[in-house]
N, C-alpha and C. Protein backbone atom coordinates (compact mmCIF):
# COMPACT_ATOMS: atom_id res chain seq x y z
N MET A 1 142.80 17.38 -48.74
CA MET A 1 141.82 18.17 -48.81
C MET A 1 140.51 17.99 -49.58
N PHE A 2 139.86 18.68 -49.89
CA PHE A 2 138.68 18.52 -50.56
C PHE A 2 138.82 18.79 -52.01
N GLU A 3 138.65 17.81 -52.89
CA GLU A 3 138.70 17.97 -54.18
C GLU A 3 137.28 17.64 -54.84
N LEU A 4 137.17 18.30 -55.89
CA LEU A 4 135.96 18.21 -56.53
C LEU A 4 136.03 17.43 -57.88
N ASP A 5 135.55 16.15 -57.63
CA ASP A 5 135.84 15.32 -58.94
C ASP A 5 134.49 14.97 -59.46
N PRO A 6 134.37 14.13 -60.21
CA PRO A 6 132.95 13.83 -60.83
C PRO A 6 132.02 13.00 -59.82
N THR A 7 132.80 12.19 -58.96
CA THR A 7 132.00 11.18 -58.19
C THR A 7 131.18 12.03 -57.07
N PHE A 8 131.89 13.11 -56.91
CA PHE A 8 131.17 14.05 -56.04
C PHE A 8 129.64 14.40 -56.61
N PHE A 9 129.78 14.99 -57.75
CA PHE A 9 128.40 15.32 -58.36
C PHE A 9 127.46 14.10 -58.61
N ILE A 10 128.24 13.02 -58.89
CA ILE A 10 127.38 11.98 -59.02
C ILE A 10 126.61 11.57 -57.67
N PHE A 11 127.54 11.55 -56.70
CA PHE A 11 126.87 11.47 -55.17
C PHE A 11 125.76 12.44 -54.74
N LEU A 12 125.94 13.61 -55.27
CA LEU A 12 125.29 14.88 -55.04
C LEU A 12 123.81 14.59 -55.83
N ILE A 13 123.95 14.23 -57.05
CA ILE A 13 122.73 13.79 -57.78
C ILE A 13 122.01 12.50 -57.31
N MET A 14 122.65 11.58 -56.81
CA MET A 14 122.11 10.41 -56.41
C MET A 14 121.58 10.84 -54.99
N PHE A 15 122.06 11.65 -54.12
CA PHE A 15 121.37 12.07 -52.97
C PHE A 15 120.22 12.83 -53.12
N LEU A 16 120.07 13.65 -54.09
CA LEU A 16 119.05 14.55 -54.39
C LEU A 16 117.77 13.55 -54.99
N ALA A 17 118.20 12.66 -55.64
CA ALA A 17 117.21 11.67 -56.45
C ALA A 17 116.65 10.77 -55.35
N PHE A 18 117.57 10.25 -54.48
CA PHE A 18 117.05 9.42 -53.32
C PHE A 18 116.25 10.22 -52.38
N THR A 19 116.55 11.41 -52.15
CA THR A 19 115.77 12.37 -51.20
C THR A 19 114.33 12.60 -51.97
N LYS A 20 114.23 12.79 -53.14
CA LYS A 20 113.08 13.10 -54.05
C LYS A 20 112.20 11.83 -53.86
N ALA A 21 112.91 10.65 -54.27
CA ALA A 21 112.12 9.25 -54.05
C ALA A 21 111.85 9.15 -52.82
N LEU A 22 112.46 9.50 -51.70
CA LEU A 22 111.95 9.02 -50.48
C LEU A 22 110.70 10.02 -50.22
N SER A 23 110.90 11.08 -50.61
CA SER A 23 109.67 11.97 -50.33
C SER A 23 108.40 11.55 -50.99
N THR A 24 108.62 11.10 -52.25
CA THR A 24 107.47 10.73 -53.00
C THR A 24 106.85 9.45 -52.46
N VAL A 25 107.83 8.52 -52.31
CA VAL A 25 107.39 7.27 -51.83
C VAL A 25 106.96 7.03 -50.31
N TYR A 26 107.54 7.65 -49.31
CA TYR A 26 107.44 7.56 -48.05
C TYR A 26 106.82 8.73 -47.36
N LEU A 27 107.62 9.96 -47.40
CA LEU A 27 107.01 11.13 -46.73
C LEU A 27 105.65 11.76 -47.22
N LYS A 28 105.31 11.65 -48.41
CA LYS A 28 104.11 12.29 -48.90
C LYS A 28 102.92 11.23 -48.38
N PRO A 29 102.81 9.96 -48.63
CA PRO A 29 101.75 9.19 -48.10
C PRO A 29 101.62 9.24 -46.61
N VAL A 30 102.66 9.15 -45.82
CA VAL A 30 102.82 9.43 -44.36
C VAL A 30 102.26 10.64 -43.96
N GLY A 31 102.63 11.63 -44.49
CA GLY A 31 102.11 12.98 -44.29
C GLY A 31 100.56 13.17 -44.59
N ALA A 32 100.09 12.40 -45.77
CA ALA A 32 98.69 12.34 -46.03
C ALA A 32 97.96 11.63 -45.04
N VAL A 33 98.41 10.51 -44.51
CA VAL A 33 97.82 9.73 -43.66
C VAL A 33 97.78 10.52 -42.33
N ILE A 34 98.63 11.27 -41.94
CA ILE A 34 98.79 12.08 -40.72
C ILE A 34 97.89 13.22 -40.89
N ALA A 35 97.62 13.93 -41.90
CA ALA A 35 96.72 15.05 -42.19
C ALA A 35 95.25 14.37 -41.94
N LYS A 36 95.08 13.26 -42.72
CA LYS A 36 93.67 12.66 -42.73
C LYS A 36 93.43 12.39 -41.16
N ARG A 37 94.36 11.66 -40.67
CA ARG A 37 94.10 11.34 -39.01
C ARG A 37 93.86 12.41 -38.22
N ARG A 38 94.58 13.64 -38.42
CA ARG A 38 94.35 14.98 -37.92
C ARG A 38 92.85 15.50 -38.04
N ALA A 39 92.54 15.40 -39.35
CA ALA A 39 91.14 15.75 -39.82
C ALA A 39 90.06 14.99 -39.09
N GLN A 40 90.27 13.66 -39.04
CA GLN A 40 89.25 12.72 -38.63
C GLN A 40 89.24 12.96 -37.07
N ILE A 41 90.24 13.17 -36.38
CA ILE A 41 90.30 13.50 -34.86
C ILE A 41 89.64 14.90 -34.63
N GLU A 42 89.90 15.76 -35.45
CA GLU A 42 89.11 17.26 -35.13
C GLU A 42 87.69 17.02 -35.41
N ASN A 43 87.46 16.18 -36.40
CA ASN A 43 85.93 15.86 -36.69
C ASN A 43 85.37 15.19 -35.66
N ASP A 44 86.03 14.23 -34.99
CA ASP A 44 85.45 13.47 -33.93
C ASP A 44 85.41 14.33 -32.75
N ILE A 45 86.18 15.12 -32.55
CA ILE A 45 86.19 16.12 -31.44
C ILE A 45 84.84 17.01 -31.59
N LYS A 46 84.76 17.44 -32.74
CA LYS A 46 83.54 18.45 -32.98
C LYS A 46 82.23 17.62 -32.71
N VAL A 47 82.26 16.41 -33.46
CA VAL A 47 81.12 15.64 -33.15
C VAL A 47 80.69 15.25 -31.79
N GLY A 48 81.72 14.94 -30.97
CA GLY A 48 81.49 14.72 -29.60
C GLY A 48 81.14 15.91 -28.78
N ASN A 49 81.65 17.09 -29.09
CA ASN A 49 81.06 18.38 -28.48
C ASN A 49 79.66 18.45 -28.89
N ASP A 50 79.26 18.40 -30.08
CA ASP A 50 78.00 18.38 -30.47
C ASP A 50 76.91 17.43 -29.87
N CYS A 51 77.45 16.40 -29.74
CA CYS A 51 76.82 15.22 -28.87
C CYS A 51 76.58 15.38 -27.46
N ARG A 52 77.73 16.20 -26.77
CA ARG A 52 77.75 16.56 -25.36
C ARG A 52 76.54 17.78 -25.18
N GLU A 53 76.57 18.75 -26.33
CA GLU A 53 75.67 19.76 -26.20
C GLU A 53 74.16 19.37 -26.26
N GLN A 54 73.88 18.29 -27.24
CA GLN A 54 72.63 17.70 -27.39
C GLN A 54 72.32 16.92 -26.16
N ALA A 55 73.01 16.01 -25.62
CA ALA A 55 72.95 15.47 -24.27
C ALA A 55 72.64 16.31 -23.13
N GLN A 56 73.29 17.41 -23.07
CA GLN A 56 73.13 18.44 -22.04
C GLN A 56 71.72 19.12 -22.17
N HIS A 57 71.35 19.39 -23.38
CA HIS A 57 70.07 19.84 -23.61
C HIS A 57 68.79 18.87 -23.32
N LEU A 58 69.24 17.69 -23.64
CA LEU A 58 68.16 16.47 -23.29
C LEU A 58 68.23 16.42 -21.85
N VAL A 59 69.25 16.46 -21.01
CA VAL A 59 69.17 16.43 -19.59
C VAL A 59 68.50 17.59 -18.96
N GLU A 60 68.86 18.68 -19.56
CA GLU A 60 68.12 20.06 -18.92
C GLU A 60 66.55 19.75 -19.17
N GLY A 61 66.20 19.17 -20.48
CA GLY A 61 64.88 19.06 -20.67
C GLY A 61 64.09 17.91 -19.68
N TYR A 62 64.74 16.95 -19.54
CA TYR A 62 64.42 15.63 -18.47
C TYR A 62 64.29 16.33 -17.01
N GLU A 63 65.39 17.15 -16.62
CA GLU A 63 65.32 17.60 -15.36
C GLU A 63 63.92 18.68 -15.18
N LYS A 64 63.75 19.36 -16.32
CA LYS A 64 62.55 20.49 -16.36
C LYS A 64 61.43 19.47 -16.09
N ASP A 65 61.10 18.50 -16.91
CA ASP A 65 60.18 17.74 -16.91
C ASP A 65 60.01 16.95 -15.61
N LEU A 66 60.97 16.54 -14.89
CA LEU A 66 61.08 15.89 -13.65
C LEU A 66 60.75 17.05 -12.56
N HIS A 67 60.99 17.97 -12.74
CA HIS A 67 60.67 19.11 -11.80
C HIS A 67 59.19 19.30 -11.97
N ASP A 68 58.77 19.55 -13.14
CA ASP A 68 57.16 19.71 -13.22
C ASP A 68 56.39 18.62 -12.72
N ILE A 69 56.90 17.42 -13.04
CA ILE A 69 56.00 16.12 -12.55
C ILE A 69 56.15 16.06 -10.86
N ARG A 70 57.28 16.35 -10.51
CA ARG A 70 57.46 16.50 -8.88
C ARG A 70 56.48 17.69 -8.37
N HIS A 71 56.43 18.81 -9.14
CA HIS A 71 55.44 19.73 -8.64
C HIS A 71 54.07 19.45 -8.79
N LYS A 72 53.78 18.55 -9.91
CA LYS A 72 52.26 18.17 -9.94
C LYS A 72 52.03 17.29 -8.85
N ALA A 73 52.76 16.45 -8.68
CA ALA A 73 52.69 15.31 -7.54
C ALA A 73 52.68 15.84 -6.12
N GLN A 74 53.33 16.95 -5.95
CA GLN A 74 53.20 17.48 -4.55
C GLN A 74 51.93 18.19 -4.72
N ALA A 75 51.47 18.85 -5.59
CA ALA A 75 50.12 19.63 -5.54
C ALA A 75 49.04 18.47 -5.51
N HIS A 76 49.22 17.37 -6.05
CA HIS A 76 48.14 16.37 -5.83
C HIS A 76 48.34 15.62 -4.38
N ILE A 77 49.37 15.37 -3.87
CA ILE A 77 49.49 15.30 -2.49
C ILE A 77 48.91 16.10 -1.79
N ASN A 78 49.19 17.41 -1.82
CA ASN A 78 48.50 18.28 -0.90
C ASN A 78 46.98 18.33 -1.10
N GLU A 79 46.42 18.09 -2.26
CA GLU A 79 45.06 18.11 -2.61
C GLU A 79 44.42 16.90 -1.76
N VAL A 80 45.02 15.76 -2.08
CA VAL A 80 44.63 14.58 -1.28
C VAL A 80 44.53 14.80 0.11
N THR A 81 45.62 15.31 0.72
CA THR A 81 45.86 15.43 2.21
C THR A 81 44.73 16.35 2.73
N THR A 82 44.53 17.42 2.03
CA THR A 82 43.43 18.45 2.39
C THR A 82 42.09 17.58 2.36
N ALA A 83 41.81 17.04 1.25
CA ALA A 83 40.68 16.27 1.42
C ALA A 83 40.45 15.15 2.36
N ALA A 84 41.42 14.55 2.75
CA ALA A 84 41.56 13.43 3.55
C ALA A 84 41.41 14.19 5.09
N GLN A 85 41.96 15.36 5.20
CA GLN A 85 41.82 15.99 6.47
C GLN A 85 40.38 16.64 6.83
N LYS A 86 39.78 16.96 5.67
CA LYS A 86 38.38 17.44 5.66
C LYS A 86 37.49 16.37 6.02
N SER A 87 37.70 15.08 5.35
CA SER A 87 36.94 13.93 5.53
C SER A 87 37.20 13.63 7.11
N ARG A 88 38.23 13.43 7.63
CA ARG A 88 38.67 13.16 8.87
C ARG A 88 37.91 13.97 10.09
N THR A 89 37.84 15.31 9.75
CA THR A 89 37.37 16.33 10.50
C THR A 89 35.76 16.18 10.60
N ALA A 90 35.12 15.96 9.18
CA ALA A 90 33.63 15.74 9.38
C ALA A 90 33.45 14.39 10.13
N GLU A 91 34.26 13.28 9.81
CA GLU A 91 33.97 12.12 10.61
C GLU A 91 34.13 12.25 12.08
N LEU A 92 35.08 13.11 12.55
CA LEU A 92 35.36 13.21 13.97
C LEU A 92 34.09 14.05 14.58
N LYS A 93 33.69 15.07 14.01
CA LYS A 93 32.65 15.97 14.06
C LYS A 93 31.53 14.94 14.26
N ARG A 94 31.06 14.25 13.45
CA ARG A 94 29.93 13.28 13.40
C ARG A 94 29.99 12.48 14.50
N ILE A 95 31.09 11.75 14.73
CA ILE A 95 31.35 10.85 16.00
C ILE A 95 30.97 11.58 17.19
N MET A 96 31.67 12.88 17.44
CA MET A 96 31.61 13.61 18.66
C MET A 96 29.91 14.04 18.90
N ASP A 97 29.28 14.24 17.72
CA ASP A 97 27.85 14.63 17.83
C ASP A 97 27.13 13.41 18.28
N GLU A 98 27.43 12.14 17.60
CA GLU A 98 26.80 10.96 18.16
C GLU A 98 27.08 10.62 19.71
N GLY A 99 28.31 10.98 19.93
CA GLY A 99 28.68 10.82 21.41
C GLY A 99 28.02 11.73 22.27
N GLN A 100 27.90 12.92 21.97
CA GLN A 100 27.14 13.85 22.67
C GLN A 100 25.61 13.66 22.78
N ALA A 101 25.13 13.18 21.63
CA ALA A 101 23.66 12.60 21.90
C ALA A 101 23.39 11.50 22.57
N LYS A 102 24.37 10.49 22.60
CA LYS A 102 24.15 9.33 23.39
C LYS A 102 24.44 9.88 24.90
N LEU A 103 25.37 10.57 25.10
CA LEU A 103 25.78 11.10 26.58
C LEU A 103 24.55 11.76 27.00
N ALA A 104 23.83 12.65 26.27
CA ALA A 104 22.59 13.43 26.67
C ALA A 104 21.58 12.48 27.20
N VAL A 105 21.26 11.46 26.14
CA VAL A 105 20.39 10.30 26.38
C VAL A 105 20.54 9.63 27.90
N ALA A 106 21.86 9.24 27.78
CA ALA A 106 22.38 8.49 28.98
C ALA A 106 22.09 9.41 30.36
N LYS A 107 22.51 10.76 30.05
CA LYS A 107 22.13 11.53 31.41
C LYS A 107 20.88 11.65 31.66
N LYS A 108 19.89 11.78 30.78
CA LYS A 108 18.46 11.66 31.20
C LYS A 108 17.96 10.45 31.79
N GLU A 109 18.40 9.43 31.14
CA GLU A 109 18.10 8.20 31.80
C GLU A 109 18.69 8.03 33.15
N ILE A 110 19.67 8.33 33.51
CA ILE A 110 20.39 8.39 34.77
C ILE A 110 19.60 9.41 35.68
N ASP A 111 19.22 10.51 35.22
CA ASP A 111 18.48 11.53 35.97
C ASP A 111 17.06 10.71 36.32
N ALA A 112 16.49 10.39 35.24
CA ALA A 112 15.21 9.66 35.50
C ALA A 112 15.16 8.34 36.61
N GLU A 113 16.35 7.54 36.42
CA GLU A 113 16.42 6.43 37.27
C GLU A 113 16.87 6.97 38.75
N ARG A 114 17.53 8.16 38.91
CA ARG A 114 17.86 8.70 40.15
C ARG A 114 16.67 9.18 40.70
N ALA A 115 15.78 10.01 39.85
CA ALA A 115 14.43 10.34 40.54
C ALA A 115 13.72 9.22 41.01
N SER A 116 13.51 8.25 40.22
CA SER A 116 12.73 7.02 40.40
C SER A 116 13.53 6.48 41.99
N LEU A 117 14.63 6.23 41.82
CA LEU A 117 15.26 5.61 43.33
C LEU A 117 15.06 6.48 44.27
N LEU A 118 15.10 7.79 44.20
CA LEU A 118 14.96 8.74 45.25
C LEU A 118 13.66 8.61 45.66
N THR A 119 12.63 8.41 44.90
CA THR A 119 11.16 8.42 45.22
C THR A 119 11.05 7.27 46.08
N GLY A 120 11.48 6.16 45.64
CA GLY A 120 11.38 4.85 46.36
C GLY A 120 12.27 4.81 47.67
N LEU A 121 13.29 5.53 47.67
CA LEU A 121 14.01 5.76 48.84
C LEU A 121 13.27 6.37 49.80
N VAL A 122 12.72 7.66 49.41
CA VAL A 122 11.73 8.43 50.54
C VAL A 122 10.94 7.43 51.30
N GLU A 123 10.28 6.62 50.50
CA GLU A 123 9.20 5.78 51.14
C GLU A 123 9.97 4.83 52.32
N GLU A 124 11.15 4.32 51.74
CA GLU A 124 11.75 3.39 52.54
C GLU A 124 12.29 4.05 53.76
N GLU A 125 12.85 5.30 53.61
CA GLU A 125 13.57 6.01 54.60
C GLU A 125 12.47 6.57 55.79
N LYS A 126 11.20 6.85 55.18
CA LYS A 126 10.19 7.08 56.16
C LYS A 126 9.79 5.82 57.05
N GLY A 127 9.60 4.58 56.23
CA GLY A 127 9.59 3.53 57.14
C GLY A 127 10.74 3.34 58.14
N ILE A 128 11.81 3.19 57.80
CA ILE A 128 13.01 3.00 58.77
C ILE A 128 12.92 3.85 59.78
N VAL A 129 12.71 5.40 59.63
CA VAL A 129 12.51 6.24 60.65
C VAL A 129 11.48 5.86 61.66
N GLU A 130 10.25 5.57 61.19
CA GLU A 130 9.09 5.26 61.79
C GLU A 130 9.56 3.87 62.64
N THR A 131 10.10 3.04 62.00
CA THR A 131 10.46 1.71 62.92
C THR A 131 11.45 2.15 63.98
N ILE A 132 12.54 2.86 63.55
CA ILE A 132 13.46 3.38 64.76
C ILE A 132 12.62 3.98 65.84
N ALA A 133 11.77 4.97 65.56
CA ALA A 133 11.17 5.86 66.50
C ALA A 133 10.33 4.82 67.32
N ARG A 134 9.66 3.99 66.65
CA ARG A 134 8.67 3.07 67.54
C ARG A 134 9.53 2.25 68.44
N LYS A 135 10.72 1.87 68.17
CA LYS A 135 11.54 1.04 69.05
C LYS A 135 12.11 1.89 70.16
N LEU A 136 12.49 3.06 69.61
CA LEU A 136 13.03 3.95 70.77
C LEU A 136 11.88 4.65 71.70
N LEU A 137 10.77 5.06 71.01
CA LEU A 137 9.85 5.78 71.92
C LEU A 137 8.60 4.95 72.25
N GLY A 138 8.46 3.95 71.78
CA GLY A 138 7.40 3.11 71.99
C GLY A 138 6.44 2.66 70.90
N ALA A 139 5.49 1.95 70.80
CA ALA A 139 4.81 1.38 69.87
C ALA A 139 3.67 2.51 69.42
N ASP A 140 3.13 3.25 70.26
CA ASP A 140 2.10 4.22 69.89
C ASP A 140 2.58 5.46 69.41
N VAL A 141 3.84 5.69 68.74
CA VAL A 141 4.26 6.98 68.34
C VAL A 141 3.72 6.86 66.92
N THR A 142 3.26 8.07 66.51
CA THR A 142 2.99 8.37 65.08
C THR A 142 3.51 9.59 64.45
N LEU A 143 4.54 9.30 63.50
CA LEU A 143 5.28 10.34 63.03
C LEU A 143 4.80 11.00 61.68
N LYS A 144 4.64 11.98 61.33
CA LYS A 144 4.30 12.58 60.11
C LYS A 144 5.42 13.22 59.29
N PHE A 145 5.89 12.80 58.23
CA PHE A 145 6.98 13.26 57.54
C PHE A 145 6.61 13.91 56.25
N ASP A 146 7.18 14.89 56.08
CA ASP A 146 6.97 15.66 54.65
C ASP A 146 7.78 15.01 53.52
N SER A 147 7.53 14.27 52.53
CA SER A 147 8.24 13.74 51.52
C SER A 147 9.13 14.65 50.80
N ALA A 148 8.83 15.75 50.51
CA ALA A 148 9.63 16.66 50.10
C ALA A 148 10.90 16.96 50.89
N VAL A 149 10.79 17.02 52.34
CA VAL A 149 12.09 17.33 53.09
C VAL A 149 12.84 16.02 53.14
N VAL A 150 12.12 14.85 53.21
CA VAL A 150 13.02 13.72 53.20
C VAL A 150 13.81 13.48 51.71
N ARG A 151 13.17 13.89 50.86
CA ARG A 151 13.68 13.69 49.41
C ARG A 151 14.96 14.83 49.44
N THR A 152 14.75 15.94 49.96
CA THR A 152 15.86 17.10 49.97
C THR A 152 17.13 16.58 50.75
N ALA A 153 16.78 15.73 51.88
CA ALA A 153 17.83 15.36 52.81
C ALA A 153 18.61 14.43 52.13
N LEU A 154 17.70 13.25 51.44
CA LEU A 154 18.48 12.23 50.72
C LEU A 154 19.28 12.87 49.38
N GLU A 155 18.83 13.77 48.82
CA GLU A 155 19.70 14.44 47.66
C GLU A 155 20.87 14.99 48.32
N GLU A 156 20.76 15.67 49.34
CA GLU A 156 22.02 16.33 50.06
C GLU A 156 23.08 15.31 50.44
N ALA A 157 22.45 14.06 50.92
CA ALA A 157 23.54 13.08 51.35
C ALA A 157 24.08 12.32 50.07
N VAL A 158 23.37 12.27 48.91
CA VAL A 158 24.05 11.60 47.86
C VAL A 158 24.90 12.61 47.13
């Protein structure tokens, strides 16, 4: 059975002393290191969260600036496009006006040349008809043609 002799008390005292020494030498420093490490980890997490918030604010600011810059660039593009369109329209109008003026001048020249040619053709036509009439009817035939009638006939033929 179990006897209580003095060695039991000595072992008990030695065990308690060893436990106290172990706690003082090993467990307290390790506990302090663990507590210090835990505090450092919590601090690092807090610093990381703060940095993430700062980064998020910076990103939001940059995105806002980028949006504003894009908006200004689009407005500038629209202004330049509108100005270019106005310039293009004015240039096309100028070219069309020049073309219309040249066309009018060309029409006038063509009409004048046509009138001149018709006048020349009237005389030639009279001569041809007189020659044909002399050949068909004889040499002593004299025909009188109204130049206006011949001109009208030539204009209708053309």
